[in-house]
Amino acid sequence: MTLLYRLDTGSASIAEIFGVSAGDDPWAGGYAAPGSFAPIVTGGREFIAGPRKEHTKPRITPRLWGVPPPPSAHASTRGVATVRNAASPFWIGNLRNSEFRCLIPATSFMEWGKASPGDGRRAQHWIAPGDQPLFAFAGVWKDSEVPSFAMMTCEPNAAYKAMGKDSMPVILPSDERARHIWLYGSWDRASTLLQPYPSSLMRELDSAPAR
């Protein structure tokens, strides 16, 4: 499960590359982990009432990574960082309404490897798409106690299976149309993007990004 990523560029650069409004987001680069705020890109309709209009300009806004858990979680207070089941009643209402889907910009992300037979330690694997210096995870946002978001997951690709993983984050293709569909398309179209990123397009970094 991806619970740490880096976004090594500021909001102005994200806005320029993704063609969105930067607003007043203060992000200047660094790590993102559950329980911390990070910039996401929404369709720009959070505060607009009335029928959906596809021409609404997407914008960057800071939100907390980790959605407050549903009441069925009882005493749990830990935010839900990833969406394991898109058909869950907790998520499907938001996912069917495109204004609640979002892009999570990133430049690399970390996964834990298998435990070493010798000492039980697990190595960190820092990964990035080889065809996208700046890419976007697919995400979904909710407004409850705090403005928050979660990351979509899907079936693992071959590289993830080799690491012993049963899921991976949804990395959107390096295609403006794919980002547009995730932000504005019907759920029938957007759900087709919940696919594993090709192993051939992923690369492992030689070392962890500098803090």
N, C-alpha and C. Protein backbone atom coordinates (compact mmCIF):
# COMPACT_ATOMS: atom_id res chain seq x y z
N MET A 1 0.84 -1.19 0.00
CA MET A 1 0.00 0.00 0.00
C MET A 1 0.88 1.25 0.00
N THR A 2 0.63 2.15 -0.92
CA THR A 2 1.41 3.38 -1.01
C THR A 2 0.98 4.35 0.09
N LEU A 3 1.91 4.66 1.00
CA LEU A 3 1.61 5.57 2.09
C LEU A 3 2.65 6.67 2.21
N LEU A 4 3.41 6.87 1.15
CA LEU A 4 4.39 7.95 1.14
C LEU A 4 4.73 8.27 -0.32
N TYR A 5 4.66 9.55 -0.66
CA TYR A 5 5.09 9.94 -1.99
C TYR A 5 5.74 11.32 -1.93
N ARG A 6 6.40 11.68 -3.02
CA ARG A 6 7.02 13.00 -3.11
C ARG A 6 6.42 13.78 -4.27
N LEU A 7 6.38 15.08 -4.06
CA LEU A 7 5.95 16.00 -5.09
C LEU A 7 6.99 17.11 -5.12
N ASP A 8 8.01 16.92 -5.95
CA ASP A 8 9.17 17.80 -5.95
C ASP A 8 9.03 18.95 -6.95
N THR A 9 7.93 19.63 -6.86
CA THR A 9 7.70 20.82 -7.66
C THR A 9 6.63 21.64 -6.97
N GLY A 10 6.63 22.94 -7.20
CA GLY A 10 5.67 23.82 -6.55
C GLY A 10 4.35 23.91 -7.29
N SER A 11 3.39 24.56 -6.66
CA SER A 11 2.05 24.67 -7.23
C SER A 11 2.04 25.37 -8.58
N ALA A 12 2.90 26.38 -8.74
CA ALA A 12 2.92 27.10 -10.01
C ALA A 12 3.32 26.18 -11.17
N SER A 13 4.30 25.31 -10.93
CA SER A 13 4.73 24.37 -11.98
C SER A 13 3.66 23.33 -12.26
N ILE A 14 3.01 22.83 -11.21
CA ILE A 14 1.92 21.88 -11.39
C ILE A 14 0.83 22.49 -12.25
N ALA A 15 0.48 23.74 -11.93
CA ALA A 15 -0.58 24.42 -12.67
C ALA A 15 -0.22 24.58 -14.15
N GLU A 16 1.03 24.90 -14.41
CA GLU A 16 1.46 25.10 -15.80
C GLU A 16 1.45 23.80 -16.57
N ILE A 17 1.97 22.73 -15.97
CA ILE A 17 2.06 21.45 -16.68
C ILE A 17 0.69 20.80 -16.86
N PHE A 18 -0.16 20.88 -15.84
CA PHE A 18 -1.48 20.26 -15.92
C PHE A 18 -2.54 21.19 -16.52
N GLY A 19 -2.20 22.45 -16.73
CA GLY A 19 -3.15 23.38 -17.31
C GLY A 19 -4.31 23.70 -16.40
N VAL A 20 -4.00 23.97 -15.12
CA VAL A 20 -5.04 24.24 -14.13
C VAL A 20 -4.73 25.55 -13.43
N SER A 21 -5.65 25.98 -12.56
CA SER A 21 -5.45 27.19 -11.78
C SER A 21 -4.72 26.85 -10.49
N ALA A 22 -3.63 27.59 -10.20
CA ALA A 22 -2.86 27.32 -8.99
C ALA A 22 -3.52 27.90 -7.75
N GLY A 23 -4.36 28.92 -7.91
CA GLY A 23 -4.97 29.54 -6.74
C GLY A 23 -3.90 30.09 -5.81
N ASP A 24 -4.13 29.90 -4.51
CA ASP A 24 -3.15 30.36 -3.52
C ASP A 24 -2.54 29.18 -2.77
N ASP A 25 -2.47 28.02 -3.42
CA ASP A 25 -1.90 26.85 -2.75
C ASP A 25 -0.44 27.10 -2.41
N PRO A 26 -0.01 26.82 -1.17
CA PRO A 26 1.35 27.16 -0.75
C PRO A 26 2.41 26.10 -1.02
N TRP A 27 2.05 24.99 -1.63
CA TRP A 27 3.00 23.88 -1.78
C TRP A 27 4.25 24.31 -2.53
N ALA A 28 5.42 23.99 -1.96
CA ALA A 28 6.69 24.32 -2.60
C ALA A 28 7.52 23.08 -2.91
N GLY A 29 7.02 21.89 -2.55
CA GLY A 29 7.73 20.64 -2.81
C GLY A 29 8.01 19.89 -1.52
N GLY A 30 8.06 18.53 -1.60
CA GLY A 30 8.38 17.74 -0.43
C GLY A 30 7.61 16.44 -0.38
N TYR A 31 7.60 15.82 0.81
CA TYR A 31 6.94 14.55 1.05
C TYR A 31 5.47 14.74 1.37
N ALA A 32 4.67 13.72 1.05
CA ALA A 32 3.27 13.67 1.47
C ALA A 32 3.01 12.31 2.10
N ALA A 33 2.36 12.31 3.26
CA ALA A 33 2.04 11.08 3.98
C ALA A 33 0.65 11.22 4.57
N PRO A 34 -0.03 10.11 4.87
CA PRO A 34 -1.34 10.21 5.50
C PRO A 34 -1.30 11.08 6.76
N GLY A 35 -2.32 11.91 6.90
CA GLY A 35 -2.37 12.81 8.04
C GLY A 35 -1.75 14.16 7.78
N SER A 36 -1.21 14.35 6.56
CA SER A 36 -0.63 15.64 6.21
C SER A 36 -1.39 16.22 5.01
N PHE A 37 -1.27 17.54 4.85
CA PHE A 37 -1.92 18.20 3.73
C PHE A 37 -1.03 18.13 2.49
N ALA A 38 -1.66 18.00 1.33
CA ALA A 38 -0.96 17.97 0.05
C ALA A 38 -1.88 18.57 -1.00
N PRO A 39 -1.33 19.09 -2.09
CA PRO A 39 -2.18 19.66 -3.13
C PRO A 39 -2.82 18.58 -4.00
N ILE A 40 -4.08 18.76 -4.29
CA ILE A 40 -4.77 17.91 -5.26
C ILE A 40 -5.41 18.83 -6.30
N VAL A 41 -5.79 18.24 -7.43
CA VAL A 41 -6.47 18.98 -8.49
C VAL A 41 -7.90 18.50 -8.56
N THR A 42 -8.83 19.41 -8.39
CA THR A 42 -10.25 19.08 -8.50
C THR A 42 -10.82 19.69 -9.78
N GLY A 43 -12.05 19.31 -10.08
CA GLY A 43 -12.72 19.88 -11.25
C GLY A 43 -13.15 21.32 -11.07
N GLY A 44 -12.96 21.87 -9.87
CA GLY A 44 -13.27 23.27 -9.62
C GLY A 44 -14.70 23.57 -9.28
N ARG A 45 -15.46 22.54 -8.83
CA ARG A 45 -16.88 22.76 -8.57
C ARG A 45 -17.25 22.68 -7.08
N GLU A 46 -16.28 22.70 -6.20
CA GLU A 46 -16.58 22.49 -4.79
C GLU A 46 -17.59 23.50 -4.24
N PHE A 47 -17.53 24.72 -4.73
CA PHE A 47 -18.38 25.78 -4.17
C PHE A 47 -19.35 26.34 -5.20
N ILE A 48 -19.65 25.56 -6.24
CA ILE A 48 -20.55 26.02 -7.29
C ILE A 48 -21.83 25.20 -7.25
N ALA A 49 -22.95 25.85 -7.02
CA ALA A 49 -24.24 25.16 -6.97
C ALA A 49 -24.82 25.03 -8.38
N GLY A 50 -25.78 24.11 -8.53
CA GLY A 50 -26.49 23.98 -9.79
C GLY A 50 -25.96 22.86 -10.65
N PRO A 51 -26.48 22.75 -11.88
CA PRO A 51 -26.08 21.66 -12.78
C PRO A 51 -24.59 21.68 -13.06
N ARG A 52 -24.03 20.49 -13.29
CA ARG A 52 -22.62 20.38 -13.62
C ARG A 52 -22.33 20.99 -14.99
N LYS A 53 -21.22 21.71 -15.06
CA LYS A 53 -20.81 22.31 -16.33
C LYS A 53 -19.38 21.83 -16.63
N GLU A 54 -19.22 21.19 -17.77
CA GLU A 54 -17.93 20.58 -18.07
C GLU A 54 -16.83 21.60 -18.27
N HIS A 55 -17.18 22.86 -18.55
CA HIS A 55 -16.14 23.85 -18.82
C HIS A 55 -15.55 24.46 -17.55
N THR A 56 -16.00 24.04 -16.37
CA THR A 56 -15.43 24.55 -15.13
C THR A 56 -13.92 24.30 -15.14
N LYS A 57 -13.14 25.30 -14.78
CA LYS A 57 -11.68 25.18 -14.83
C LYS A 57 -11.18 24.41 -13.61
N PRO A 58 -10.38 23.37 -13.82
CA PRO A 58 -9.83 22.63 -12.67
C PRO A 58 -8.87 23.51 -11.88
N ARG A 59 -8.72 23.21 -10.60
CA ARG A 59 -7.87 24.05 -9.76
C ARG A 59 -7.15 23.21 -8.72
N ILE A 60 -6.04 23.75 -8.22
CA ILE A 60 -5.28 23.11 -7.15
C ILE A 60 -5.82 23.58 -5.81
N THR A 61 -5.97 22.64 -4.89
CA THR A 61 -6.43 22.99 -3.55
C THR A 61 -5.77 22.05 -2.54
N PRO A 62 -5.39 22.53 -1.36
CA PRO A 62 -4.79 21.64 -0.36
C PRO A 62 -5.85 20.86 0.40
N ARG A 63 -5.59 19.57 0.59
CA ARG A 63 -6.49 18.73 1.38
C ARG A 63 -5.66 17.73 2.19
N LEU A 64 -6.29 17.20 3.22
CA LEU A 64 -5.63 16.24 4.10
C LEU A 64 -5.70 14.85 3.48
N TRP A 65 -4.55 14.16 3.46
CA TRP A 65 -4.55 12.79 2.93
C TRP A 65 -5.06 11.86 4.03
N GLY A 66 -6.24 11.29 3.80
CA GLY A 66 -6.87 10.38 4.74
C GLY A 66 -8.26 10.83 5.10
N VAL A 67 -9.27 10.14 4.55
CA VAL A 67 -10.67 10.48 4.79
C VAL A 67 -11.12 9.90 6.13
N PRO A 68 -11.82 10.67 6.97
CA PRO A 68 -12.32 10.12 8.22
C PRO A 68 -13.11 8.83 7.98
N PRO A 69 -12.89 7.80 8.79
CA PRO A 69 -13.51 6.50 8.53
C PRO A 69 -15.01 6.52 8.73
N PRO A 70 -15.71 5.54 8.12
CA PRO A 70 -17.17 5.47 8.30
C PRO A 70 -17.53 5.05 9.71
N PRO A 71 -18.78 5.27 10.12
CA PRO A 71 -19.20 4.88 11.47
C PRO A 71 -18.98 3.41 11.78
N SER A 72 -19.00 2.56 10.76
CA SER A 72 -18.81 1.13 10.99
C SER A 72 -17.41 0.81 11.49
N ALA A 73 -16.48 1.78 11.37
CA ALA A 73 -15.11 1.56 11.86
C ALA A 73 -15.04 1.68 13.38
N HIS A 74 -16.16 2.10 14.01
CA HIS A 74 -16.27 2.21 15.47
C HIS A 74 -15.18 3.11 16.05
N ALA A 75 -14.27 2.57 16.82
CA ALA A 75 -13.34 3.41 17.57
C ALA A 75 -12.16 3.91 16.72
N SER A 76 -12.04 3.45 15.49
CA SER A 76 -10.90 3.85 14.68
C SER A 76 -10.94 5.34 14.38
N THR A 77 -9.80 6.00 14.53
CA THR A 77 -9.70 7.42 14.22
C THR A 77 -8.73 7.67 13.07
N ARG A 78 -8.10 6.63 12.58
CA ARG A 78 -7.13 6.78 11.49
C ARG A 78 -7.86 7.04 10.18
N GLY A 79 -7.39 8.04 9.43
CA GLY A 79 -8.01 8.34 8.16
C GLY A 79 -7.80 7.22 7.15
N VAL A 80 -8.75 7.08 6.23
CA VAL A 80 -8.67 6.07 5.18
C VAL A 80 -7.89 6.67 4.02
N ALA A 81 -6.67 6.16 3.80
CA ALA A 81 -5.76 6.77 2.83
C ALA A 81 -5.96 6.25 1.41
N THR A 82 -6.45 5.01 1.27
CA THR A 82 -6.59 4.41 -0.06
C THR A 82 -7.96 3.78 -0.22
N VAL A 83 -8.42 3.72 -1.45
CA VAL A 83 -9.70 3.10 -1.79
C VAL A 83 -9.42 1.70 -2.32
N ARG A 84 -9.74 0.70 -1.53
CA ARG A 84 -9.48 -0.68 -1.95
C ARG A 84 -10.64 -1.25 -2.76
N ASN A 85 -11.85 -0.76 -2.53
CA ASN A 85 -13.04 -1.28 -3.20
C ASN A 85 -13.88 -0.11 -3.70
N ALA A 86 -13.77 0.19 -4.99
CA ALA A 86 -14.47 1.34 -5.54
C ALA A 86 -15.98 1.18 -5.49
N ALA A 87 -16.48 -0.05 -5.38
CA ALA A 87 -17.93 -0.29 -5.32
C ALA A 87 -18.49 -0.19 -3.91
N SER A 88 -17.63 0.06 -2.92
CA SER A 88 -18.10 0.18 -1.54
C SER A 88 -19.10 1.32 -1.40
N PRO A 89 -20.17 1.13 -0.62
CA PRO A 89 -21.13 2.22 -0.41
C PRO A 89 -20.49 3.48 0.16
N PHE A 90 -19.36 3.33 0.85
CA PHE A 90 -18.68 4.48 1.43
C PHE A 90 -18.09 5.39 0.35
N TRP A 91 -17.75 4.80 -0.82
CA TRP A 91 -17.08 5.56 -1.88
C TRP A 91 -17.92 5.79 -3.12
N ILE A 92 -18.80 4.87 -3.45
CA ILE A 92 -19.40 4.88 -4.79
C ILE A 92 -20.21 6.13 -5.06
N GLY A 93 -20.88 6.69 -4.05
CA GLY A 93 -21.65 7.91 -4.28
C GLY A 93 -20.78 9.05 -4.74
N ASN A 94 -19.62 9.20 -4.13
CA ASN A 94 -18.71 10.25 -4.54
C ASN A 94 -18.09 9.96 -5.91
N LEU A 95 -17.71 8.72 -6.15
CA LEU A 95 -17.07 8.38 -7.41
C LEU A 95 -18.01 8.55 -8.60
N ARG A 96 -19.28 8.32 -8.40
CA ARG A 96 -20.24 8.48 -9.51
C ARG A 96 -20.45 9.94 -9.86
N ASN A 97 -20.15 10.84 -8.93
CA ASN A 97 -20.28 12.27 -9.17
C ASN A 97 -18.89 12.83 -9.45
N SER A 98 -18.66 13.24 -10.69
CA SER A 98 -17.31 13.57 -11.12
C SER A 98 -16.67 14.69 -10.31
N GLU A 99 -17.48 15.61 -9.75
CA GLU A 99 -16.86 16.72 -9.01
C GLU A 99 -16.10 16.26 -7.78
N PHE A 100 -16.35 15.02 -7.31
CA PHE A 100 -15.64 14.50 -6.15
C PHE A 100 -14.38 13.71 -6.52
N ARG A 101 -14.14 13.51 -7.80
CA ARG A 101 -12.90 12.84 -8.21
C ARG A 101 -11.80 13.88 -8.35
N CYS A 102 -10.56 13.46 -8.12
CA CYS A 102 -9.45 14.42 -8.15
C CYS A 102 -8.18 13.77 -8.67
N LEU A 103 -7.24 14.61 -9.03
CA LEU A 103 -5.89 14.19 -9.41
C LEU A 103 -4.97 14.46 -8.23
N ILE A 104 -4.05 13.55 -7.98
CA ILE A 104 -3.06 13.71 -6.90
C ILE A 104 -1.70 13.81 -7.57
N PRO A 105 -1.16 15.01 -7.77
CA PRO A 105 0.13 15.15 -8.45
C PRO A 105 1.26 14.55 -7.61
N ALA A 106 2.25 13.96 -8.28
CA ALA A 106 3.39 13.36 -7.59
C ALA A 106 4.56 13.25 -8.56
N THR A 107 5.76 13.10 -8.00
CA THR A 107 6.95 12.87 -8.82
C THR A 107 7.58 11.50 -8.55
N SER A 108 7.30 10.89 -7.40
CA SER A 108 7.77 9.54 -7.08
C SER A 108 6.99 9.04 -5.87
N PHE A 109 7.07 7.74 -5.61
CA PHE A 109 6.36 7.19 -4.45
C PHE A 109 7.12 5.98 -3.93
N MET A 110 6.81 5.62 -2.69
CA MET A 110 7.56 4.57 -2.00
C MET A 110 6.68 3.35 -1.73
N GLU A 111 7.27 2.18 -1.91
CA GLU A 111 6.66 0.93 -1.51
C GLU A 111 7.67 0.13 -0.69
N TRP A 112 7.18 -0.58 0.33
CA TRP A 112 8.04 -1.47 1.10
C TRP A 112 8.22 -2.78 0.35
N GLY A 113 9.44 -3.28 0.32
CA GLY A 113 9.71 -4.57 -0.30
C GLY A 113 9.45 -5.72 0.65
N LYS A 114 9.73 -6.93 0.21
CA LYS A 114 9.56 -8.10 1.05
C LYS A 114 10.57 -8.10 2.20
N ALA A 115 10.20 -8.74 3.30
CA ALA A 115 11.10 -8.81 4.46
C ALA A 115 12.31 -9.67 4.12
N SER A 116 13.50 -9.23 4.57
CA SER A 116 14.72 -9.99 4.37
C SER A 116 14.70 -11.27 5.21
N PRO A 117 15.05 -12.43 4.63
CA PRO A 117 15.07 -13.68 5.41
C PRO A 117 16.05 -13.61 6.58
N GLY A 118 17.09 -12.79 6.43
CA GLY A 118 18.12 -12.73 7.46
C GLY A 118 17.70 -11.96 8.69
N ASP A 119 17.32 -10.69 8.52
CA ASP A 119 17.01 -9.86 9.68
C ASP A 119 15.57 -9.35 9.72
N GLY A 120 14.78 -9.72 8.73
CA GLY A 120 13.37 -9.32 8.72
C GLY A 120 13.12 -7.89 8.29
N ARG A 121 14.18 -7.18 7.96
CA ARG A 121 14.00 -5.80 7.53
C ARG A 121 13.47 -5.74 6.10
N ARG A 122 12.74 -4.66 5.83
CA ARG A 122 12.20 -4.45 4.49
C ARG A 122 12.82 -3.21 3.88
N ALA A 123 13.20 -3.34 2.62
CA ALA A 123 13.81 -2.22 1.92
C ALA A 123 12.74 -1.29 1.36
N GLN A 124 13.09 -0.01 1.27
CA GLN A 124 12.23 0.96 0.62
C GLN A 124 12.51 0.95 -0.88
N HIS A 125 11.45 0.91 -1.67
CA HIS A 125 11.57 1.00 -3.12
C HIS A 125 10.91 2.30 -3.57
N TRP A 126 11.72 3.23 -4.09
CA TRP A 126 11.18 4.48 -4.61
C TRP A 126 10.98 4.32 -6.11
N ILE A 127 9.76 4.61 -6.56
CA ILE A 127 9.32 4.28 -7.92
C ILE A 127 8.78 5.54 -8.59
N ALA A 128 8.96 5.62 -9.90
CA ALA A 128 8.39 6.72 -10.69
C ALA A 128 8.08 6.21 -12.08
N PRO A 129 7.05 6.72 -12.72
CA PRO A 129 6.80 6.38 -14.12
C PRO A 129 7.93 6.95 -14.99
N GLY A 130 8.50 6.12 -15.84
CA GLY A 130 9.61 6.57 -16.66
C GLY A 130 9.21 7.55 -17.74
N ASP A 131 7.91 7.61 -18.06
CA ASP A 131 7.45 8.48 -19.15
C ASP A 131 6.81 9.76 -18.65
N GLN A 132 6.80 10.00 -17.31
CA GLN A 132 6.14 11.18 -16.76
C GLN A 132 6.95 11.74 -15.58
N PRO A 133 7.70 12.82 -15.77
CA PRO A 133 8.40 13.42 -14.62
C PRO A 133 7.43 13.89 -13.54
N LEU A 134 6.30 14.43 -13.96
CA LEU A 134 5.20 14.78 -13.05
C LEU A 134 3.99 14.00 -13.49
N PHE A 135 3.41 13.21 -12.58
CA PHE A 135 2.27 12.38 -12.95
C PHE A 135 1.14 12.59 -11.96
N ALA A 136 0.04 11.91 -12.19
CA ALA A 136 -1.11 12.04 -11.31
C ALA A 136 -1.65 10.67 -10.92
N PHE A 137 -1.81 10.46 -9.60
CA PHE A 137 -2.61 9.35 -9.11
C PHE A 137 -4.08 9.74 -9.26
N ALA A 138 -4.94 8.74 -9.44
CA ALA A 138 -6.38 8.99 -9.39
C ALA A 138 -6.82 9.03 -7.93
N GLY A 139 -7.65 10.01 -7.59
CA GLY A 139 -8.10 10.14 -6.21
C GLY A 139 -9.56 10.52 -6.11
N VAL A 140 -10.05 10.57 -4.89
CA VAL A 140 -11.42 10.98 -4.60
C VAL A 140 -11.39 11.82 -3.34
N TRP A 141 -12.23 12.84 -3.27
CA TRP A 141 -12.24 13.69 -2.07
C TRP A 141 -13.61 13.67 -1.40
N LYS A 142 -13.58 13.97 -0.11
CA LYS A 142 -14.81 14.06 0.68
C LYS A 142 -14.71 15.27 1.59
N ASP A 143 -15.84 15.83 1.93
CA ASP A 143 -15.91 16.89 2.95
C ASP A 143 -16.72 16.35 4.12
N SER A 144 -16.06 16.19 5.24
CA SER A 144 -16.77 15.79 6.46
C SER A 144 -16.22 16.66 7.59
N GLU A 145 -15.52 16.04 8.55
CA GLU A 145 -14.91 16.86 9.60
C GLU A 145 -13.79 17.74 9.04
N VAL A 146 -13.07 17.22 8.05
CA VAL A 146 -11.97 17.97 7.42
C VAL A 146 -12.06 17.77 5.91
N PRO A 147 -11.53 18.72 5.13
CA PRO A 147 -11.45 18.52 3.68
C PRO A 147 -10.34 17.52 3.37
N SER A 148 -10.68 16.35 2.87
CA SER A 148 -9.71 15.26 2.78
C SER A 148 -9.82 14.53 1.44
N PHE A 149 -8.85 13.66 1.19
CA PHE A 149 -8.85 12.87 -0.05
C PHE A 149 -8.26 11.50 0.22
N ALA A 150 -8.50 10.58 -0.72
CA ALA A 150 -7.94 9.23 -0.67
C ALA A 150 -7.47 8.85 -2.07
N MET A 151 -6.57 7.88 -2.12
CA MET A 151 -5.95 7.45 -3.37
C MET A 151 -6.60 6.16 -3.86
N MET A 152 -6.93 6.10 -5.15
CA MET A 152 -7.52 4.91 -5.73
C MET A 152 -6.46 3.82 -5.90
N THR A 153 -6.86 2.57 -5.76
CA THR A 153 -5.96 1.44 -6.02
C THR A 153 -6.61 0.49 -7.03
N CYS A 154 -5.79 -0.41 -7.56
CA CYS A 154 -6.27 -1.37 -8.56
C CYS A 154 -5.46 -2.65 -8.44
N GLU A 155 -5.69 -3.57 -9.35
CA GLU A 155 -4.92 -4.81 -9.39
C GLU A 155 -3.44 -4.50 -9.62
N PRO A 156 -2.53 -5.30 -9.09
CA PRO A 156 -1.10 -5.02 -9.27
C PRO A 156 -0.61 -5.41 -10.66
N ASN A 157 0.41 -4.70 -11.13
CA ASN A 157 1.07 -5.14 -12.36
C ASN A 157 2.13 -6.18 -12.01
N ALA A 158 2.88 -6.64 -13.00
CA ALA A 158 3.85 -7.71 -12.77
C ALA A 158 4.92 -7.31 -11.76
N ALA A 159 5.38 -6.06 -11.85
CA ALA A 159 6.42 -5.60 -10.92
C ALA A 159 5.92 -5.60 -9.49
N TYR A 160 4.68 -5.19 -9.29
CA TYR A 160 4.11 -5.18 -7.94
C TYR A 160 3.89 -6.59 -7.43
N LYS A 161 3.46 -7.48 -8.29
CA LYS A 161 3.28 -8.87 -7.88
C LYS A 161 4.60 -9.48 -7.43
N ALA A 162 5.69 -9.09 -8.11
CA ALA A 162 7.01 -9.60 -7.74
C ALA A 162 7.43 -9.11 -6.36
N MET A 163 6.89 -7.96 -5.93
CA MET A 163 7.16 -7.45 -4.59
C MET A 163 6.21 -8.03 -3.55
N GLY A 164 5.31 -8.91 -3.99
CA GLY A 164 4.37 -9.53 -3.07
C GLY A 164 3.16 -8.68 -2.77
N LYS A 165 2.83 -7.72 -3.65
CA LYS A 165 1.71 -6.81 -3.42
C LYS A 165 0.44 -7.35 -4.07
N ASP A 166 -0.70 -7.05 -3.42
CA ASP A 166 -1.98 -7.47 -3.99
C ASP A 166 -2.75 -6.29 -4.57
N SER A 167 -2.16 -5.10 -4.56
CA SER A 167 -2.78 -3.93 -5.17
C SER A 167 -1.70 -2.89 -5.44
N MET A 168 -2.05 -1.88 -6.20
CA MET A 168 -1.13 -0.78 -6.47
C MET A 168 -1.94 0.49 -6.67
N PRO A 169 -1.30 1.66 -6.55
CA PRO A 169 -2.05 2.90 -6.78
C PRO A 169 -2.39 3.06 -8.26
N VAL A 170 -3.49 3.73 -8.53
CA VAL A 170 -3.87 4.01 -9.92
C VAL A 170 -3.09 5.22 -10.41
N ILE A 171 -2.17 4.99 -11.35
CA ILE A 171 -1.41 6.07 -11.98
C ILE A 171 -2.06 6.34 -13.33
N LEU A 172 -2.50 7.57 -13.54
CA LEU A 172 -3.18 7.89 -14.79
C LEU A 172 -2.17 8.00 -15.93
N PRO A 173 -2.57 7.64 -17.14
CA PRO A 173 -1.67 7.72 -18.30
C PRO A 173 -1.20 9.15 -18.54
N SER A 174 -0.09 9.27 -19.27
CA SER A 174 0.46 10.59 -19.61
C SER A 174 -0.32 11.17 -20.78
N ASP A 175 -1.57 11.41 -20.54
CA ASP A 175 -2.49 11.82 -21.60
C ASP A 175 -3.50 12.79 -20.98
N GLU A 176 -3.55 13.99 -21.50
CA GLU A 176 -4.48 14.99 -20.97
C GLU A 176 -5.92 14.50 -21.01
N ARG A 177 -6.25 13.70 -22.00
CA ARG A 177 -7.63 13.19 -22.11
C ARG A 177 -7.97 12.29 -20.94
N ALA A 178 -7.01 11.48 -20.48
CA ALA A 178 -7.28 10.60 -19.34
C ALA A 178 -7.55 11.42 -18.09
N ARG A 179 -6.76 12.47 -17.86
CA ARG A 179 -7.00 13.33 -16.69
C ARG A 179 -8.36 14.01 -16.79
N HIS A 180 -8.73 14.42 -18.01
CA HIS A 180 -10.01 15.07 -18.22
C HIS A 180 -11.16 14.11 -17.92
N ILE A 181 -11.04 12.87 -18.39
CA ILE A 181 -12.09 11.88 -18.12
C ILE A 181 -12.23 11.63 -16.63
N TRP A 182 -11.08 11.54 -15.91
CA TRP A 182 -11.18 11.27 -14.47
C TRP A 182 -11.86 12.42 -13.74
N LEU A 183 -11.61 13.64 -14.18
CA LEU A 183 -12.19 14.79 -13.50
C LEU A 183 -13.63 15.09 -13.92
N TYR A 184 -13.97 14.78 -15.18
CA TYR A 184 -15.27 15.23 -15.69
C TYR A 184 -16.14 14.15 -16.32
N GLY A 185 -15.57 12.99 -16.61
CA GLY A 185 -16.33 11.97 -17.33
C GLY A 185 -17.34 11.24 -16.47
N SER A 186 -18.23 10.50 -17.14
CA SER A 186 -19.17 9.64 -16.42
C SER A 186 -18.39 8.55 -15.69
N TRP A 187 -19.02 7.95 -14.68
CA TRP A 187 -18.34 6.89 -13.95
C TRP A 187 -18.06 5.69 -14.85
N ASP A 188 -18.93 5.42 -15.80
CA ASP A 188 -18.69 4.31 -16.73
C ASP A 188 -17.36 4.50 -17.47
N ARG A 189 -17.07 5.74 -17.87
CA ARG A 189 -15.82 6.02 -18.58
C ARG A 189 -14.65 6.11 -17.60
N ALA A 190 -14.85 6.82 -16.51
CA ALA A 190 -13.75 7.02 -15.56
C ALA A 190 -13.29 5.71 -14.94
N SER A 191 -14.21 4.80 -14.67
CA SER A 191 -13.84 3.55 -14.01
C SER A 191 -12.94 2.68 -14.88
N THR A 192 -12.93 2.90 -16.21
CA THR A 192 -12.04 2.12 -17.07
C THR A 192 -10.58 2.51 -16.86
N LEU A 193 -10.33 3.63 -16.18
CA LEU A 193 -8.96 4.07 -15.91
C LEU A 193 -8.36 3.37 -14.69
N LEU A 194 -9.16 2.61 -13.97
CA LEU A 194 -8.66 1.92 -12.78
C LEU A 194 -7.92 0.66 -13.21
N GLN A 195 -6.80 0.86 -13.86
CA GLN A 195 -6.00 -0.21 -14.44
C GLN A 195 -4.57 -0.12 -13.93
N PRO A 196 -3.86 -1.25 -13.81
CA PRO A 196 -2.45 -1.21 -13.39
C PRO A 196 -1.60 -0.51 -14.43
N TYR A 197 -0.68 0.30 -13.96
CA TYR A 197 0.26 0.99 -14.86
C TYR A 197 1.24 -0.05 -15.39
N PRO A 198 1.60 0.02 -16.67
CA PRO A 198 2.50 -1.01 -17.23
C PRO A 198 3.85 -1.06 -16.51
N SER A 199 4.28 -2.26 -16.17
CA SER A 199 5.60 -2.42 -15.53
C SER A 199 6.71 -1.85 -16.39
N SER A 200 6.57 -1.96 -17.70
CA SER A 200 7.62 -1.50 -18.61
C SER A 200 7.80 0.01 -18.58
N LEU A 201 6.80 0.74 -18.08
CA LEU A 201 6.89 2.20 -18.03
C LEU A 201 7.28 2.70 -16.64
N MET A 202 7.57 1.79 -15.72
CA MET A 202 7.94 2.19 -14.36
C MET A 202 9.43 1.95 -14.14
N ARG A 203 10.04 2.82 -13.34
CA ARG A 203 11.46 2.66 -13.03
C ARG A 203 11.67 2.82 -11.54
N GLU A 204 12.62 2.10 -11.01
CA GLU A 204 12.98 2.25 -9.60
C GLU A 204 14.14 3.20 -9.48
N LEU A 205 14.03 4.17 -8.59
CA LEU A 205 15.09 5.15 -8.41
C LEU A 205 16.29 4.51 -7.70
N ASP A 206 17.47 5.00 -7.99
CA ASP A 206 18.69 4.44 -7.40
C ASP A 206 18.75 4.67 -5.90
N SER A 207 18.14 5.76 -5.42
CA SER A 207 18.16 6.07 -4.00
C SER A 207 16.90 6.86 -3.65
N ALA A 208 16.62 6.93 -2.36
CA ALA A 208 15.46 7.68 -1.90
C ALA A 208 15.66 9.16 -2.20
N PRO A 209 14.62 9.87 -2.61
CA PRO A 209 14.74 11.30 -2.85
C PRO A 209 15.20 12.02 -1.59
N ALA A 210 15.98 13.05 -1.76
CA ALA A 210 16.49 13.82 -0.62
C ALA A 210 15.35 14.52 0.10
N ARG A 211 15.44 14.58 1.42
CA ARG A 211 14.42 15.27 2.20
C ARG A 211 14.64 16.77 2.15
